[in-house]
């Protein structure tokens, strides 16, 4: 529920942590395509029922080290842009609950406009470096 693609990008980063700053469901348009996130998350979310309310739902079992973690968008640049889509190359970081660095990563996040509502439609992380 973002008015601009940049706002949607920031919402997607906020929803990527476990502080529940943004509901994961409120930051995406379906179908959402995810690349390289491993067996714990589907490569595509197609229906509303498949999408957890918060991305951190279930992390106690699947990613216990991520519980309480936060994300920070460090930088971004537009790779491709038209009136309905923007692809960003981002640099981001995930932090432990005590504020120490857990990992850094790059990603391509693609944001789409549907009826004036900009949201995430694709996430492709790479260059993941554990601290």
C-alpha atoms as a PDB file:
ATOM      1  CA  UNK A   1       0.000   0.000   0.000  1.00  0.00           C
ATOM      2  CA  UNK A   2       2.581   2.479  -1.143  1.00  0.00           C
ATOM      3  CA  UNK A   3       2.107   5.629  -3.191  1.00  0.00           C
ATOM      4  CA  UNK A   4       5.573   5.517  -4.781  1.00  0.00           C
ATOM      5  CA  UNK A   5       7.961   2.752  -5.824  1.00  0.00           C
ATOM      6  CA  UNK A   6      10.597   4.018  -3.371  1.00  0.00           C
ATOM      7  CA  UNK A   7       8.086   3.788  -0.514  1.00  0.00           C
ATOM      8  CA  UNK A   8       7.231   0.220  -1.594  1.00  0.00           C
ATOM      9  CA  UNK A   9      10.927  -0.669  -1.631  1.00  0.00           C
ATOM     10  CA  UNK A  10      11.373   0.614   1.923  1.00  0.00           C
ATOM     11  CA  UNK A  11       8.205  -1.230   3.017  1.00  0.00           C
ATOM     12  CA  UNK A  12       9.589  -4.477   1.565  1.00  0.00           C
ATOM     13  CA  UNK A  13      12.810  -4.056   3.570  1.00  0.00           C
ATOM     14  CA  UNK A  14      10.845  -3.278   6.771  1.00  0.00           C
ATOM     15  CA  UNK A  15       8.705  -6.394   6.244  1.00  0.00           C
ATOM     16  CA  UNK A  16      11.858  -8.509   5.872  1.00  0.00           C
ATOM     17  CA  UNK A  17      12.696  -8.398   9.589  1.00  0.00           C
ATOM     18  CA  UNK A  18      10.968  -9.826  12.616  1.00  0.00           C
ATOM     19  CA  UNK A  19       9.995  -6.570  14.338  1.00  0.00           C
ATOM     20  CA  UNK A  20       6.690  -6.618  12.442  1.00  0.00           C
ATOM     21  CA  UNK A  21       7.164  -3.057  11.227  1.00  0.00           C
ATOM     22  CA  UNK A  22       5.105  -3.917   8.130  1.00  0.00           C
ATOM     23  CA  UNK A  23       2.870  -6.868   7.361  1.00  0.00           C
ATOM     24  CA  UNK A  24       4.435  -8.990   4.625  1.00  0.00           C
ATOM     25  CA  UNK A  25       0.968  -9.400   3.076  1.00  0.00           C
ATOM     26  CA  UNK A  26       0.607  -5.615   2.802  1.00  0.00           C
ATOM     27  CA  UNK A  27       3.897  -5.134   0.950  1.00  0.00           C
ATOM     28  CA  UNK A  28       3.475  -7.521  -2.010  1.00  0.00           C
ATOM     29  CA  UNK A  29       1.363  -8.040  -5.114  1.00  0.00           C
ATOM     30  CA  UNK A  30       0.647 -11.630  -6.044  1.00  0.00           C
ATOM     31  CA  UNK A  31       2.104 -13.596  -7.607  1.00  0.00           C
ATOM     32  CA  UNK A  32       5.386 -12.851  -5.839  1.00  0.00           C
ATOM     33  CA  UNK A  33       8.465 -14.519  -7.299  1.00  0.00           C
ATOM     34  CA  UNK A  34      11.462 -15.205  -5.045  1.00  0.00           C
ATOM     35  CA  UNK A  35      14.832 -16.448  -6.260  1.00  0.00           C
ATOM     36  CA  UNK A  36      17.399 -18.323  -4.210  1.00  0.00           C
ATOM     37  CA  UNK A  37      15.680 -18.284  -0.833  1.00  0.00           C
ATOM     38  CA  UNK A  38      16.133 -22.006  -0.226  1.00  0.00           C
ATOM     39  CA  UNK A  39      13.709 -24.755   0.720  1.00  0.00           C
ATOM     40  CA  UNK A  40      12.128 -22.912   3.656  1.00  0.00           C
ATOM     41  CA  UNK A  41      10.276 -20.427   1.461  1.00  0.00           C
ATOM     42  CA  UNK A  42       8.418 -21.092  -1.750  1.00  0.00           C
ATOM     43  CA  UNK A  43       9.806 -19.734  -5.018  1.00  0.00           C
ATOM     44  CA  UNK A  44       6.426 -18.206  -5.744  1.00  0.00           C
ATOM     45  CA  UNK A  45       3.456 -17.120  -3.691  1.00  0.00           C
ATOM     46  CA  UNK A  46       0.362 -17.442  -5.859  1.00  0.00           C
ATOM     47  CA  UNK A  47      -2.622 -17.173  -3.502  1.00  0.00           C
ATOM     48  CA  UNK A  48      -3.359 -15.056  -0.461  1.00  0.00           C
ATOM     49  CA  UNK A  49      -3.650 -18.215   1.667  1.00  0.00           C
ATOM     50  CA  UNK A  50      -0.003 -19.064   0.888  1.00  0.00           C
ATOM     51  CA  UNK A  51       1.314 -15.748   2.227  1.00  0.00           C
ATOM     52  CA  UNK A  52       2.156 -15.459   5.928  1.00  0.00           C
ATOM     53  CA  UNK A  53       0.853 -12.319   7.601  1.00  0.00           C
ATOM     54  CA  UNK A  54       4.412 -11.448   8.633  1.00  0.00           C
ATOM     55  CA  UNK A  55       7.490 -12.783   6.892  1.00  0.00           C
ATOM     56  CA  UNK A  56       8.892 -13.794  10.284  1.00  0.00           C
ATOM     57  CA  UNK A  57       5.941 -16.107  11.020  1.00  0.00           C
ATOM     58  CA  UNK A  58       7.459 -19.537  11.621  1.00  0.00           C
ATOM     59  CA  UNK A  59      11.069 -18.403  11.877  1.00  0.00           C
ATOM     60  CA  UNK A  60      11.313 -20.108  15.283  1.00  0.00           C
ATOM     61  CA  UNK A  61      11.329 -23.401  13.366  1.00  0.00           C
ATOM     62  CA  UNK A  62      12.858 -22.423  10.006  1.00  0.00           C
ATOM     63  CA  UNK A  63      15.362 -19.624  10.773  1.00  0.00           C
ATOM     64  CA  UNK A  64      15.802 -19.399  14.554  1.00  0.00           C
ATOM     65  CA  UNK A  65      18.915 -17.248  14.154  1.00  0.00           C
ATOM     66  CA  UNK A  66      16.770 -14.640  12.357  1.00  0.00           C
ATOM     67  CA  UNK A  67      14.227 -14.232  15.182  1.00  0.00           C
ATOM     68  CA  UNK A  68      14.386 -10.623  16.326  1.00  0.00           C
ATOM     69  CA  UNK A  69      16.547  -9.583  13.392  1.00  0.00           C
ATOM     70  CA  UNK A  70      16.168  -6.293  11.587  1.00  0.00           C
ATOM     71  CA  UNK A  71      17.014  -5.185   8.069  1.00  0.00           C
ATOM     72  CA  UNK A  72      18.519  -1.964   6.804  1.00  0.00           C
ATOM     73  CA  UNK A  73      18.417  -0.671   3.261  1.00  0.00           C
ATOM     74  CA  UNK A  74      21.906   0.738   2.757  1.00  0.00           C
ATOM     75  CA  UNK A  75      21.600   1.915  -0.839  1.00  0.00           C
ATOM     76  CA  UNK A  76      19.635   1.415  -4.020  1.00  0.00           C
ATOM     77  CA  UNK A  77      19.731   2.351  -7.655  1.00  0.00           C
ATOM     78  CA  UNK A  78      17.185   2.024 -10.425  1.00  0.00           C
ATOM     79  CA  UNK A  79      18.104  -0.663 -12.949  1.00  0.00           C
ATOM     80  CA  UNK A  80      14.971  -0.484 -15.140  1.00  0.00           C
ATOM     81  CA  UNK A  81      11.947   1.787 -14.868  1.00  0.00           C
ATOM     82  CA  UNK A  82       8.703   2.405 -16.715  1.00  0.00           C
ATOM     83  CA  UNK A  83       5.316   3.723 -15.606  1.00  0.00           C
ATOM     84  CA  UNK A  84       4.249   0.402 -14.051  1.00  0.00           C
ATOM     85  CA  UNK A  85       7.457  -1.277 -12.853  1.00  0.00           C
ATOM     86  CA  UNK A  86      10.760  -0.417 -11.272  1.00  0.00           C
ATOM     87  CA  UNK A  87      13.650  -2.825 -10.727  1.00  0.00           C
ATOM     88  CA  UNK A  88      16.110  -1.780  -8.043  1.00  0.00           C
ATOM     89  CA  UNK A  89      19.591  -3.038  -7.312  1.00  0.00           C
ATOM     90  CA  UNK A  90      19.821  -2.811  -3.544  1.00  0.00           C
ATOM     91  CA  UNK A  91      22.464  -3.235  -0.890  1.00  0.00           C
ATOM     92  CA  UNK A  92      21.100  -4.224   2.489  1.00  0.00           C
ATOM     93  CA  UNK A  93      22.104  -5.695   5.832  1.00  0.00           C
ATOM     94  CA  UNK A  94      20.499  -7.908   8.467  1.00  0.00           C
ATOM     95  CA  UNK A  95      21.308  -7.380  12.150  1.00  0.00           C
ATOM     96  CA  UNK A  96      21.031  -9.625  15.208  1.00  0.00           C
ATOM     97  CA  UNK A  97      18.791  -8.539  18.098  1.00  0.00           C
ATOM     98  CA  UNK A  98      21.817  -7.011  19.866  1.00  0.00           C
ATOM     99  CA  UNK A  99      22.498  -4.793  16.832  1.00  0.00           C
ATOM    100  CA  UNK A 100      25.558  -6.653  15.599  1.00  0.00           C
ATOM    101  CA  UNK A 101      25.819  -7.371  11.904  1.00  0.00           C
ATOM    102  CA  UNK A 102      24.538 -10.794  10.809  1.00  0.00           C
ATOM    103  CA  UNK A 103      24.915 -10.499   7.041  1.00  0.00           C
ATOM    104  CA  UNK A 104      25.016  -8.158   4.091  1.00  0.00           C
ATOM    105  CA  UNK A 105      23.428  -8.839   0.743  1.00  0.00           C
ATOM    106  CA  UNK A 106      22.647  -7.396  -2.652  1.00  0.00           C
ATOM    107  CA  UNK A 107      19.347  -8.026  -4.397  1.00  0.00           C
ATOM    108  CA  UNK A 108      17.174  -7.074  -7.294  1.00  0.00           C
ATOM    109  CA  UNK A 109      13.757  -6.040  -5.986  1.00  0.00           C
ATOM    110  CA  UNK A 110      11.074  -5.416  -8.587  1.00  0.00           C
ATOM    111  CA  UNK A 111       8.160  -3.195  -7.626  1.00  0.00           C
ATOM    112  CA  UNK A 112       4.918  -2.969  -9.640  1.00  0.00           C
ATOM    113  CA  UNK A 113       2.079  -0.455  -9.771  1.00  0.00           C
ATOM    114  CA  UNK A 114      -1.436  -1.861  -9.758  1.00  0.00           C
ATOM    115  CA  UNK A 115      -4.179   0.753  -9.624  1.00  0.00           C
ATOM    116  CA  UNK A 116      -1.889   3.300  -7.973  1.00  0.00           C
ATOM    117  CA  UNK A 117      -0.646   0.824  -5.352  1.00  0.00           C
ATOM    118  CA  UNK A 118       3.086   0.065  -5.585  1.00  0.00           C
ATOM    119  CA  UNK A 119       4.232  -3.252  -4.084  1.00  0.00           C
ATOM    120  CA  UNK A 120       6.964  -5.871  -4.369  1.00  0.00           C
ATOM    121  CA  UNK A 121       6.497  -8.564  -7.059  1.00  0.00           C
ATOM    122  CA  UNK A 122       9.967 -10.123  -7.240  1.00  0.00           C
ATOM    123  CA  UNK A 123      12.930 -10.565  -4.921  1.00  0.00           C
ATOM    124  CA  UNK A 124      16.291 -11.942  -6.064  1.00  0.00           C
ATOM    125  CA  UNK A 125      19.014 -11.818  -3.379  1.00  0.00           C
ATOM    126  CA  UNK A 126      22.678 -12.547  -4.173  1.00  0.00           C
ATOM    127  CA  UNK A 127      26.151 -11.768  -2.799  1.00  0.00           C
ATOM    128  CA  UNK A 128      25.018 -12.833   0.661  1.00  0.00           C
ATOM    129  CA  UNK A 129      27.933 -12.479   3.072  1.00  0.00           C
ATOM    130  CA  UNK A 130      27.718 -13.651   6.662  1.00  0.00           C
ATOM    131  CA  UNK A 131      29.464 -11.401   9.168  1.00  0.00           C
END
